[in-house]
Amino acid sequence: MKSGEPFDPKEYYSRQVVLPELKSEGQEKLRRAKVAITGLGGLGSVSAMYLARAGVGHLRLVDQDTVEMKNLHRQILYGVDDLRYPKAEAAARKIELINPEVHTEIVSENLRSSNASQIVKDVDCVVDGLDNMRTRYILNRECANLKVPYVFGGAIGMEGNLSVFAPPETPCLECVLPNLDD
């Protein structure tokens, strides 16, 4: 990290660990947590940024796209210095600047049936920042199969939604929203 001051985790999280719902024990759980973020566009990139700031210790960043000028007004993790770089790589660089204690794992490829298991395995939670239902259903099935909590979010225009699915305690995305087209 290049700055005049060394990174001090105790000070960094000092305003967070005073929350009675979190405390030092909760912060330690966040540090040990491993989260996959699939899709690093408008929702996924800010999710990655906030999870890094919260102190989630390991982020698996999944996206095959590159940063384009048309992304910059709404994908606030990126800047003009990230143009034409793969989103997963650019996100990892920015996260390192935000919180050097966060380990990032870059997966610069599309989520498919053939790699969904690899992307979901060994994580505590998956955040869905994808932009199509076909791929979301693939991700949902893998999360349900492996019993990994799945955070589903979507936004179109000025409207958005957010749901958390944790089978078998809750229904899955496809159980609640079957047969949706893009």
N, C-alpha and C. Protein backbone atom coordinates (compact mmCIF):
# COMPACT_ATOMS: atom_id res chain seq x y z
N MET A 1 0.84 -1.17 0.00
CA MET A 1 0.00 0.00 0.00
C MET A 1 0.89 1.24 0.00
N LYS A 2 0.60 2.14 -0.89
CA LYS A 2 1.40 3.36 -0.99
C LYS A 2 0.64 4.51 -0.34
N SER A 3 1.07 4.91 0.81
CA SER A 3 0.50 6.09 1.48
C SER A 3 1.47 6.51 2.57
N GLY A 4 1.16 7.61 3.18
CA GLY A 4 2.02 8.09 4.25
C GLY A 4 1.78 7.40 5.57
N GLU A 5 0.69 6.66 5.68
CA GLU A 5 0.32 6.06 6.94
C GLU A 5 0.10 4.56 6.76
N PRO A 6 0.63 3.73 7.65
CA PRO A 6 0.39 2.28 7.52
C PRO A 6 -1.07 1.95 7.82
N PHE A 7 -1.55 0.89 7.20
CA PHE A 7 -2.93 0.44 7.42
C PHE A 7 -3.07 -0.08 8.84
N ASP A 8 -4.05 0.42 9.56
CA ASP A 8 -4.28 0.03 10.94
C ASP A 8 -5.69 -0.55 11.05
N PRO A 9 -5.83 -1.89 11.04
CA PRO A 9 -7.16 -2.50 11.08
C PRO A 9 -7.97 -2.10 12.31
N LYS A 10 -7.31 -1.95 13.44
CA LYS A 10 -8.04 -1.59 14.66
C LYS A 10 -8.73 -0.23 14.49
N GLU A 11 -8.01 0.72 13.93
CA GLU A 11 -8.61 2.03 13.70
C GLU A 11 -9.62 1.98 12.55
N TYR A 12 -9.29 1.24 11.48
CA TYR A 12 -10.15 1.14 10.31
C TYR A 12 -11.55 0.69 10.69
N TYR A 13 -11.64 -0.32 11.55
CA TYR A 13 -12.94 -0.88 11.93
C TYR A 13 -13.48 -0.32 13.24
N SER A 14 -12.83 0.69 13.80
CA SER A 14 -13.19 1.18 15.14
C SER A 14 -14.65 1.65 15.24
N ARG A 15 -15.20 2.23 14.20
CA ARG A 15 -16.58 2.70 14.24
C ARG A 15 -17.57 1.57 14.01
N GLN A 16 -17.10 0.49 13.47
CA GLN A 16 -17.96 -0.65 13.14
C GLN A 16 -18.08 -1.62 14.32
N VAL A 17 -16.98 -1.87 15.01
CA VAL A 17 -17.00 -2.87 16.09
C VAL A 17 -17.73 -2.37 17.33
N VAL A 18 -18.07 -1.09 17.40
CA VAL A 18 -18.85 -0.59 18.53
C VAL A 18 -20.34 -0.93 18.39
N LEU A 19 -20.74 -1.38 17.22
CA LEU A 19 -22.14 -1.78 17.04
C LEU A 19 -22.42 -3.02 17.88
N PRO A 20 -23.46 -2.98 18.72
CA PRO A 20 -23.73 -4.11 19.60
C PRO A 20 -24.02 -5.40 18.83
N GLU A 21 -24.53 -5.27 17.60
CA GLU A 21 -24.82 -6.46 16.80
C GLU A 21 -23.56 -7.07 16.18
N LEU A 22 -22.47 -6.35 16.19
CA LEU A 22 -21.26 -6.83 15.53
C LEU A 22 -20.14 -7.13 16.53
N LYS A 23 -19.66 -6.12 17.20
CA LYS A 23 -18.54 -6.22 18.15
C LYS A 23 -17.31 -6.83 17.47
N SER A 24 -16.27 -7.08 18.23
CA SER A 24 -15.02 -7.64 17.70
C SER A 24 -15.21 -9.05 17.17
N GLU A 25 -16.09 -9.81 17.81
CA GLU A 25 -16.33 -11.19 17.38
C GLU A 25 -16.95 -11.23 15.98
N GLY A 26 -17.89 -10.35 15.74
CA GLY A 26 -18.51 -10.27 14.42
C GLY A 26 -17.53 -9.80 13.36
N GLN A 27 -16.66 -8.87 13.73
CA GLN A 27 -15.65 -8.39 12.79
C GLN A 27 -14.71 -9.52 12.40
N GLU A 28 -14.38 -10.36 13.36
CA GLU A 28 -13.53 -11.51 13.08
C GLU A 28 -14.23 -12.50 12.14
N LYS A 29 -15.54 -12.68 12.32
CA LYS A 29 -16.30 -13.55 11.40
C LYS A 29 -16.27 -12.98 9.99
N LEU A 30 -16.41 -11.67 9.87
CA LEU A 30 -16.31 -11.04 8.54
C LEU A 30 -14.93 -11.26 7.94
N ARG A 31 -13.89 -11.13 8.75
CA ARG A 31 -12.53 -11.32 8.25
C ARG A 31 -12.32 -12.73 7.72
N ARG A 32 -12.98 -13.71 8.32
CA ARG A 32 -12.84 -15.11 7.88
C ARG A 32 -13.80 -15.48 6.75
N ALA A 33 -14.74 -14.60 6.43
CA ALA A 33 -15.77 -14.91 5.43
C ALA A 33 -15.22 -14.88 4.01
N LYS A 34 -15.84 -15.71 3.18
CA LYS A 34 -15.47 -15.80 1.77
C LYS A 34 -16.76 -15.62 0.95
N VAL A 35 -16.78 -14.60 0.10
CA VAL A 35 -17.96 -14.26 -0.67
C VAL A 35 -17.61 -14.23 -2.16
N ALA A 36 -18.46 -14.84 -2.98
CA ALA A 36 -18.33 -14.74 -4.43
C ALA A 36 -19.30 -13.67 -4.92
N ILE A 37 -18.81 -12.80 -5.79
CA ILE A 37 -19.65 -11.78 -6.41
C ILE A 37 -19.63 -12.05 -7.90
N THR A 38 -20.80 -12.40 -8.44
CA THR A 38 -20.91 -12.74 -9.85
C THR A 38 -21.53 -11.56 -10.59
N GLY A 39 -20.77 -11.00 -11.49
CA GLY A 39 -21.21 -9.81 -12.21
C GLY A 39 -20.73 -8.58 -11.46
N LEU A 40 -19.86 -7.81 -12.09
CA LEU A 40 -19.25 -6.65 -11.42
C LEU A 40 -19.66 -5.35 -12.10
N GLY A 41 -20.96 -5.28 -12.44
CA GLY A 41 -21.52 -4.07 -13.02
C GLY A 41 -22.06 -3.15 -11.95
N GLY A 42 -23.23 -2.57 -12.21
CA GLY A 42 -23.80 -1.58 -11.30
C GLY A 42 -24.04 -2.08 -9.89
N LEU A 43 -24.56 -3.28 -9.73
CA LEU A 43 -24.82 -3.83 -8.39
C LEU A 43 -23.61 -4.56 -7.83
N GLY A 44 -22.99 -5.39 -8.64
CA GLY A 44 -21.88 -6.20 -8.15
C GLY A 44 -20.66 -5.39 -7.75
N SER A 45 -20.37 -4.33 -8.50
CA SER A 45 -19.17 -3.54 -8.17
C SER A 45 -19.33 -2.79 -6.85
N VAL A 46 -20.51 -2.22 -6.60
CA VAL A 46 -20.69 -1.53 -5.32
C VAL A 46 -20.80 -2.53 -4.18
N SER A 47 -21.34 -3.72 -4.45
CA SER A 47 -21.36 -4.77 -3.42
C SER A 47 -19.94 -5.14 -3.03
N ALA A 48 -19.07 -5.30 -4.01
CA ALA A 48 -17.67 -5.63 -3.74
C ALA A 48 -17.01 -4.53 -2.91
N MET A 49 -17.28 -3.29 -3.27
CA MET A 49 -16.69 -2.16 -2.55
C MET A 49 -17.15 -2.15 -1.09
N TYR A 50 -18.44 -2.30 -0.85
CA TYR A 50 -18.94 -2.26 0.53
C TYR A 50 -18.52 -3.49 1.33
N LEU A 51 -18.46 -4.65 0.71
CA LEU A 51 -18.00 -5.84 1.44
C LEU A 51 -16.53 -5.69 1.82
N ALA A 52 -15.73 -5.11 0.94
CA ALA A 52 -14.32 -4.86 1.26
C ALA A 52 -14.20 -3.86 2.41
N ARG A 53 -14.98 -2.81 2.37
CA ARG A 53 -14.94 -1.82 3.44
C ARG A 53 -15.41 -2.40 4.76
N ALA A 54 -16.36 -3.33 4.71
CA ALA A 54 -16.85 -3.98 5.93
C ALA A 54 -15.83 -4.94 6.51
N GLY A 55 -14.89 -5.40 5.67
CA GLY A 55 -13.85 -6.29 6.17
C GLY A 55 -14.03 -7.75 5.84
N VAL A 56 -14.88 -8.06 4.85
CA VAL A 56 -14.98 -9.45 4.40
C VAL A 56 -13.61 -9.84 3.87
N GLY A 57 -13.06 -10.93 4.38
CA GLY A 57 -11.66 -11.27 4.15
C GLY A 57 -11.29 -11.79 2.78
N HIS A 58 -12.26 -12.40 2.06
CA HIS A 58 -11.94 -12.99 0.77
C HIS A 58 -13.09 -12.71 -0.18
N LEU A 59 -12.79 -12.11 -1.32
CA LEU A 59 -13.79 -11.83 -2.34
C LEU A 59 -13.39 -12.52 -3.64
N ARG A 60 -14.26 -13.39 -4.12
CA ARG A 60 -14.08 -14.02 -5.44
C ARG A 60 -14.84 -13.15 -6.43
N LEU A 61 -14.13 -12.50 -7.33
CA LEU A 61 -14.69 -11.52 -8.26
C LEU A 61 -14.87 -12.16 -9.63
N VAL A 62 -16.12 -12.30 -10.06
CA VAL A 62 -16.43 -13.05 -11.28
C VAL A 62 -17.10 -12.14 -12.31
N ASP A 63 -16.42 -11.90 -13.42
CA ASP A 63 -16.99 -11.14 -14.54
C ASP A 63 -16.04 -11.23 -15.72
N GLN A 64 -16.57 -11.43 -16.90
CA GLN A 64 -15.74 -11.53 -18.10
C GLN A 64 -15.66 -10.21 -18.86
N ASP A 65 -16.48 -9.24 -18.51
CA ASP A 65 -16.53 -7.98 -19.24
C ASP A 65 -15.33 -7.09 -18.94
N THR A 66 -15.15 -6.10 -19.81
CA THR A 66 -14.14 -5.07 -19.58
C THR A 66 -14.84 -3.76 -19.22
N VAL A 67 -14.13 -2.89 -18.56
CA VAL A 67 -14.67 -1.59 -18.18
C VAL A 67 -14.76 -0.72 -19.42
N GLU A 68 -15.95 -0.14 -19.64
CA GLU A 68 -16.18 0.75 -20.78
C GLU A 68 -16.61 2.12 -20.27
N MET A 69 -16.43 3.13 -21.11
CA MET A 69 -16.80 4.49 -20.74
C MET A 69 -18.26 4.56 -20.29
N LYS A 70 -19.16 3.85 -20.98
CA LYS A 70 -20.59 3.92 -20.65
C LYS A 70 -20.90 3.32 -19.27
N ASN A 71 -19.95 2.62 -18.66
CA ASN A 71 -20.14 2.05 -17.32
C ASN A 71 -19.87 3.05 -16.21
N LEU A 72 -19.02 4.02 -16.46
CA LEU A 72 -18.43 4.81 -15.38
C LEU A 72 -19.41 5.67 -14.59
N HIS A 73 -20.51 6.08 -15.19
CA HIS A 73 -21.44 6.95 -14.45
C HIS A 73 -22.21 6.19 -13.37
N ARG A 74 -22.31 4.87 -13.47
CA ARG A 74 -23.10 4.12 -12.50
C ARG A 74 -22.32 3.00 -11.81
N GLN A 75 -21.17 2.65 -12.31
CA GLN A 75 -20.35 1.60 -11.70
C GLN A 75 -19.20 2.29 -10.98
N ILE A 76 -19.50 2.77 -9.78
CA ILE A 76 -18.65 3.75 -9.09
C ILE A 76 -17.34 3.20 -8.56
N LEU A 77 -17.14 1.91 -8.63
CA LEU A 77 -15.85 1.36 -8.22
C LEU A 77 -14.76 1.70 -9.24
N TYR A 78 -15.17 1.92 -10.50
CA TYR A 78 -14.21 2.11 -11.59
C TYR A 78 -14.04 3.58 -11.93
N GLY A 79 -12.88 3.89 -12.54
CA GLY A 79 -12.60 5.23 -13.03
C GLY A 79 -12.02 5.15 -14.44
N VAL A 80 -11.71 6.28 -15.02
CA VAL A 80 -11.19 6.30 -16.39
C VAL A 80 -9.88 5.52 -16.50
N ASP A 81 -9.13 5.41 -15.42
CA ASP A 81 -7.88 4.63 -15.45
C ASP A 81 -8.13 3.13 -15.60
N ASP A 82 -9.39 2.70 -15.46
CA ASP A 82 -9.73 1.27 -15.59
C ASP A 82 -10.26 0.91 -16.97
N LEU A 83 -10.45 1.89 -17.85
CA LEU A 83 -11.02 1.62 -19.17
C LEU A 83 -10.24 0.54 -19.90
N ARG A 84 -10.98 -0.38 -20.50
CA ARG A 84 -10.48 -1.50 -21.30
C ARG A 84 -9.83 -2.61 -20.47
N TYR A 85 -9.78 -2.47 -19.16
CA TYR A 85 -9.28 -3.56 -18.31
C TYR A 85 -10.44 -4.49 -17.98
N PRO A 86 -10.16 -5.78 -17.77
CA PRO A 86 -11.21 -6.68 -17.30
C PRO A 86 -11.77 -6.17 -15.97
N LYS A 87 -13.10 -6.23 -15.83
CA LYS A 87 -13.73 -5.72 -14.61
C LYS A 87 -13.22 -6.42 -13.36
N ALA A 88 -13.02 -7.73 -13.43
CA ALA A 88 -12.55 -8.46 -12.24
C ALA A 88 -11.16 -7.96 -11.81
N GLU A 89 -10.29 -7.70 -12.77
CA GLU A 89 -8.95 -7.19 -12.45
C GLU A 89 -9.01 -5.77 -11.91
N ALA A 90 -9.80 -4.92 -12.56
CA ALA A 90 -9.93 -3.53 -12.11
C ALA A 90 -10.53 -3.48 -10.71
N ALA A 91 -11.54 -4.30 -10.46
CA ALA A 91 -12.16 -4.34 -9.13
C ALA A 91 -11.15 -4.78 -8.08
N ALA A 92 -10.36 -5.79 -8.39
CA ALA A 92 -9.36 -6.28 -7.44
C ALA A 92 -8.35 -5.18 -7.10
N ARG A 93 -7.91 -4.43 -8.11
CA ARG A 93 -6.97 -3.32 -7.87
C ARG A 93 -7.57 -2.27 -6.95
N LYS A 94 -8.83 -1.91 -7.21
CA LYS A 94 -9.48 -0.88 -6.39
C LYS A 94 -9.71 -1.38 -4.97
N ILE A 95 -10.08 -2.64 -4.82
CA ILE A 95 -10.31 -3.20 -3.49
C ILE A 95 -9.02 -3.20 -2.68
N GLU A 96 -7.91 -3.48 -3.32
CA GLU A 96 -6.61 -3.44 -2.63
C GLU A 96 -6.34 -2.05 -2.06
N LEU A 97 -6.74 -1.02 -2.79
CA LEU A 97 -6.56 0.36 -2.31
C LEU A 97 -7.53 0.69 -1.17
N ILE A 98 -8.73 0.13 -1.24
CA ILE A 98 -9.74 0.36 -0.21
C ILE A 98 -9.37 -0.34 1.09
N ASN A 99 -8.98 -1.61 0.97
CA ASN A 99 -8.67 -2.40 2.16
C ASN A 99 -7.63 -3.46 1.80
N PRO A 100 -6.37 -3.21 2.09
CA PRO A 100 -5.30 -4.13 1.70
C PRO A 100 -5.35 -5.48 2.41
N GLU A 101 -6.20 -5.62 3.42
CA GLU A 101 -6.31 -6.91 4.10
C GLU A 101 -7.24 -7.89 3.38
N VAL A 102 -8.01 -7.41 2.42
CA VAL A 102 -8.95 -8.27 1.70
C VAL A 102 -8.20 -9.02 0.60
N HIS A 103 -8.36 -10.34 0.60
CA HIS A 103 -7.78 -11.16 -0.46
C HIS A 103 -8.80 -11.24 -1.59
N THR A 104 -8.35 -10.95 -2.81
CA THR A 104 -9.25 -11.04 -3.96
C THR A 104 -8.81 -12.18 -4.86
N GLU A 105 -9.80 -12.84 -5.42
CA GLU A 105 -9.59 -13.93 -6.37
C GLU A 105 -10.29 -13.51 -7.65
N ILE A 106 -9.54 -13.43 -8.74
CA ILE A 106 -10.06 -12.94 -10.01
C ILE A 106 -10.51 -14.11 -10.87
N VAL A 107 -11.77 -14.06 -11.33
CA VAL A 107 -12.30 -15.05 -12.27
C VAL A 107 -12.86 -14.25 -13.45
N SER A 108 -12.05 -14.10 -14.50
CA SER A 108 -12.45 -13.30 -15.67
C SER A 108 -13.10 -14.19 -16.72
N GLU A 109 -14.27 -14.73 -16.37
CA GLU A 109 -15.01 -15.56 -17.32
C GLU A 109 -16.49 -15.50 -17.01
N ASN A 110 -17.30 -15.91 -17.98
CA ASN A 110 -18.74 -15.99 -17.80
C ASN A 110 -19.09 -17.12 -16.85
N LEU A 111 -20.13 -16.94 -16.06
CA LEU A 111 -20.67 -18.04 -15.27
C LEU A 111 -21.50 -18.92 -16.21
N ARG A 112 -21.22 -20.22 -16.18
CA ARG A 112 -21.92 -21.20 -17.02
C ARG A 112 -22.22 -22.43 -16.18
N SER A 113 -23.03 -23.31 -16.71
CA SER A 113 -23.30 -24.58 -16.01
C SER A 113 -22.01 -25.33 -15.74
N SER A 114 -21.07 -25.26 -16.66
CA SER A 114 -19.82 -26.02 -16.54
C SER A 114 -18.86 -25.48 -15.49
N ASN A 115 -19.00 -24.21 -15.09
CA ASN A 115 -18.08 -23.67 -14.07
C ASN A 115 -18.78 -23.17 -12.81
N ALA A 116 -20.09 -23.29 -12.76
CA ALA A 116 -20.85 -22.77 -11.61
C ALA A 116 -20.41 -23.40 -10.30
N SER A 117 -20.16 -24.70 -10.33
CA SER A 117 -19.74 -25.39 -9.10
C SER A 117 -18.41 -24.83 -8.59
N GLN A 118 -17.47 -24.59 -9.49
CA GLN A 118 -16.16 -24.03 -9.10
C GLN A 118 -16.30 -22.64 -8.51
N ILE A 119 -17.22 -21.86 -9.04
CA ILE A 119 -17.41 -20.49 -8.58
C ILE A 119 -18.08 -20.45 -7.21
N VAL A 120 -19.02 -21.37 -6.97
CA VAL A 120 -19.79 -21.37 -5.73
C VAL A 120 -19.11 -22.14 -4.60
N LYS A 121 -18.29 -23.12 -4.96
CA LYS A 121 -17.70 -23.97 -3.91
C LYS A 121 -16.84 -23.15 -2.95
N ASP A 122 -16.83 -23.58 -1.72
CA ASP A 122 -15.97 -23.01 -0.68
C ASP A 122 -16.27 -21.56 -0.33
N VAL A 123 -17.44 -21.04 -0.67
CA VAL A 123 -17.77 -19.68 -0.23
C VAL A 123 -18.91 -19.74 0.79
N ASP A 124 -19.00 -18.70 1.58
CA ASP A 124 -20.04 -18.61 2.60
C ASP A 124 -21.32 -17.97 2.07
N CYS A 125 -21.20 -17.24 0.96
CA CYS A 125 -22.34 -16.51 0.41
C CYS A 125 -22.00 -16.13 -1.03
N VAL A 126 -23.05 -16.01 -1.85
CA VAL A 126 -22.89 -15.54 -3.23
C VAL A 126 -23.76 -14.30 -3.42
N VAL A 127 -23.17 -13.25 -3.99
CA VAL A 127 -23.91 -12.04 -4.34
C VAL A 127 -24.07 -12.04 -5.86
N ASP A 128 -25.32 -11.94 -6.31
CA ASP A 128 -25.65 -11.98 -7.73
C ASP A 128 -25.75 -10.56 -8.27
N GLY A 129 -24.82 -10.21 -9.14
CA GLY A 129 -24.88 -8.93 -9.85
C GLY A 129 -25.05 -9.18 -11.34
N LEU A 130 -25.61 -10.33 -11.70
CA LEU A 130 -25.75 -10.72 -13.10
C LEU A 130 -26.84 -9.92 -13.79
N ASP A 131 -26.87 -10.00 -15.13
CA ASP A 131 -27.83 -9.20 -15.88
C ASP A 131 -28.78 -10.02 -16.74
N ASN A 132 -28.88 -11.34 -16.48
CA ASN A 132 -29.85 -12.13 -17.24
C ASN A 132 -30.35 -13.30 -16.40
N MET A 133 -31.61 -13.66 -16.61
CA MET A 133 -32.25 -14.68 -15.77
C MET A 133 -31.71 -16.08 -16.05
N ARG A 134 -31.35 -16.39 -17.27
CA ARG A 134 -30.84 -17.74 -17.57
C ARG A 134 -29.63 -18.04 -16.70
N THR A 135 -28.69 -17.11 -16.64
CA THR A 135 -27.49 -17.32 -15.83
C THR A 135 -27.81 -17.26 -14.34
N ARG A 136 -28.76 -16.43 -13.95
CA ARG A 136 -29.17 -16.39 -12.55
C ARG A 136 -29.76 -17.72 -12.10
N TYR A 137 -30.53 -18.35 -12.97
CA TYR A 137 -31.10 -19.66 -12.62
C TYR A 137 -29.99 -20.71 -12.45
N ILE A 138 -28.97 -20.65 -13.30
CA ILE A 138 -27.82 -21.56 -13.15
C ILE A 138 -27.17 -21.34 -11.79
N LEU A 139 -26.91 -20.09 -11.46
CA LEU A 139 -26.28 -19.75 -10.18
C LEU A 139 -27.17 -20.17 -9.01
N ASN A 140 -28.45 -19.89 -9.10
CA ASN A 140 -29.41 -20.25 -8.07
C ASN A 140 -29.40 -21.75 -7.81
N ARG A 141 -29.43 -22.55 -8.88
CA ARG A 141 -29.44 -24.01 -8.72
C ARG A 141 -28.19 -24.50 -8.02
N GLU A 142 -27.05 -23.94 -8.39
CA GLU A 142 -25.79 -24.37 -7.76
C GLU A 142 -25.76 -23.96 -6.29
N CYS A 143 -26.21 -22.76 -5.99
CA CYS A 143 -26.26 -22.33 -4.58
C CYS A 143 -27.21 -23.22 -3.78
N ALA A 144 -28.37 -23.54 -4.34
CA ALA A 144 -29.32 -24.41 -3.63
C ALA A 144 -28.72 -25.80 -3.44
N ASN A 145 -28.07 -26.31 -4.47
CA ASN A 145 -27.46 -27.64 -4.41
C ASN A 145 -26.38 -27.70 -3.33
N LEU A 146 -25.55 -26.66 -3.24
CA LEU A 146 -24.46 -26.64 -2.26
C LEU A 146 -24.86 -25.98 -0.93
N LYS A 147 -26.12 -25.56 -0.84
CA LYS A 147 -26.64 -24.91 0.38
C LYS A 147 -25.83 -23.66 0.76
N VAL A 148 -25.56 -22.85 -0.25
CA VAL A 148 -24.84 -21.59 -0.06
C VAL A 148 -25.86 -20.45 -0.17
N PRO A 149 -25.96 -19.58 0.82
CA PRO A 149 -26.88 -18.45 0.72
C PRO A 149 -26.61 -17.61 -0.53
N TYR A 150 -27.70 -17.16 -1.14
CA TYR A 150 -27.66 -16.49 -2.43
C TYR A 150 -28.38 -15.15 -2.31
N VAL A 151 -27.66 -14.06 -2.55
CA VAL A 151 -28.23 -12.72 -2.49
C VAL A 151 -28.54 -12.30 -3.92
N PHE A 152 -29.82 -12.13 -4.21
CA PHE A 152 -30.30 -11.79 -5.54
C PHE A 152 -30.70 -10.31 -5.56
N GLY A 153 -30.18 -9.59 -6.51
CA GLY A 153 -30.56 -8.19 -6.67
C GLY A 153 -30.71 -7.87 -8.14
N GLY A 154 -31.57 -6.94 -8.42
CA GLY A 154 -31.76 -6.53 -9.80
C GLY A 154 -32.28 -5.11 -9.85
N ALA A 155 -31.97 -4.43 -10.93
CA ALA A 155 -32.46 -3.07 -11.12
C ALA A 155 -32.71 -2.84 -12.60
N ILE A 156 -33.85 -2.24 -12.88
CA ILE A 156 -34.18 -1.83 -14.25
C ILE A 156 -34.75 -0.43 -14.14
N GLY A 157 -34.12 0.50 -14.84
CA GLY A 157 -34.58 1.88 -14.76
C GLY A 157 -34.46 2.40 -13.34
N MET A 158 -35.56 2.86 -12.79
CA MET A 158 -35.58 3.43 -11.44
C MET A 158 -36.11 2.45 -10.40
N GLU A 159 -36.29 1.20 -10.77
CA GLU A 159 -36.82 0.21 -9.84
C GLU A 159 -35.80 -0.88 -9.59
N GLY A 160 -35.86 -1.44 -8.39
CA GLY A 160 -34.94 -2.52 -8.05
C GLY A 160 -35.56 -3.46 -7.05
N ASN A 161 -34.90 -4.58 -6.84
CA ASN A 161 -35.36 -5.55 -5.85
C ASN A 161 -34.17 -6.26 -5.26
N LEU A 162 -34.39 -6.83 -4.08
CA LEU A 162 -33.35 -7.55 -3.37
C LEU A 162 -34.00 -8.67 -2.58
N SER A 163 -33.45 -9.86 -2.68
CA SER A 163 -33.94 -11.01 -1.92
C SER A 163 -32.75 -11.85 -1.50
N VAL A 164 -32.90 -12.52 -0.38
CA VAL A 164 -31.88 -13.46 0.09
C VAL A 164 -32.53 -14.84 0.15
N PHE A 165 -31.89 -15.81 -0.50
CA PHE A 165 -32.38 -17.18 -0.53
C PHE A 165 -31.35 -18.07 0.16
N ALA A 166 -31.84 -18.93 1.06
CA ALA A 166 -30.95 -19.82 1.81
C ALA A 166 -31.59 -21.20 1.96
N PRO A 167 -31.78 -21.92 0.82
CA PRO A 167 -32.35 -23.26 0.93
C PRO A 167 -31.48 -24.15 1.80
N PRO A 168 -32.01 -25.03 2.60
CA PRO A 168 -33.42 -25.45 2.65
C PRO A 168 -34.29 -24.62 3.59
N GLU A 169 -33.73 -23.62 4.27
CA GLU A 169 -34.54 -22.80 5.19
C GLU A 169 -35.54 -21.91 4.45
N THR A 170 -35.21 -21.52 3.23
CA THR A 170 -36.10 -20.66 2.44
C THR A 170 -36.28 -21.29 1.07
N PRO A 171 -37.29 -20.86 0.33
CA PRO A 171 -37.37 -21.30 -1.06
C PRO A 171 -36.19 -20.70 -1.85
N CYS A 172 -35.98 -21.19 -3.04
CA CYS A 172 -34.91 -20.66 -3.89
C CYS A 172 -35.48 -19.63 -4.86
N LEU A 173 -34.61 -18.95 -5.59
CA LEU A 173 -35.03 -17.94 -6.56
C LEU A 173 -36.01 -18.53 -7.58
N GLU A 174 -35.66 -19.66 -8.15
CA GLU A 174 -36.49 -20.26 -9.19
C GLU A 174 -37.82 -20.75 -8.63
N CYS A 175 -37.85 -21.10 -7.34
CA CYS A 175 -39.10 -21.50 -6.69
C CYS A 175 -40.06 -20.31 -6.60
N VAL A 176 -39.52 -19.13 -6.34
CA VAL A 176 -40.32 -17.93 -6.14
C VAL A 176 -40.61 -17.22 -7.46
N LEU A 177 -39.64 -17.21 -8.36
CA LEU A 177 -39.77 -16.52 -9.65
C LEU A 177 -39.45 -17.48 -10.80
N PRO A 178 -40.34 -18.45 -11.06
CA PRO A 178 -40.04 -19.43 -12.11
C PRO A 178 -40.28 -18.87 -13.52
N ASN A 179 -39.56 -19.42 -14.46
CA ASN A 179 -39.80 -19.18 -15.89
C ASN A 179 -39.76 -17.71 -16.30
N LEU A 180 -38.87 -16.94 -15.72
CA LEU A 180 -38.75 -15.54 -16.14
C LEU A 180 -37.81 -15.44 -17.33
N ASP A 181 -38.17 -14.59 -18.26
CA ASP A 181 -37.30 -14.29 -19.39
C ASP A 181 -36.60 -12.98 -19.10
N ASP A 182 -35.55 -12.72 -19.88
CA ASP A 182 -34.85 -11.45 -19.73
C ASP A 182 -35.71 -10.41 -20.35
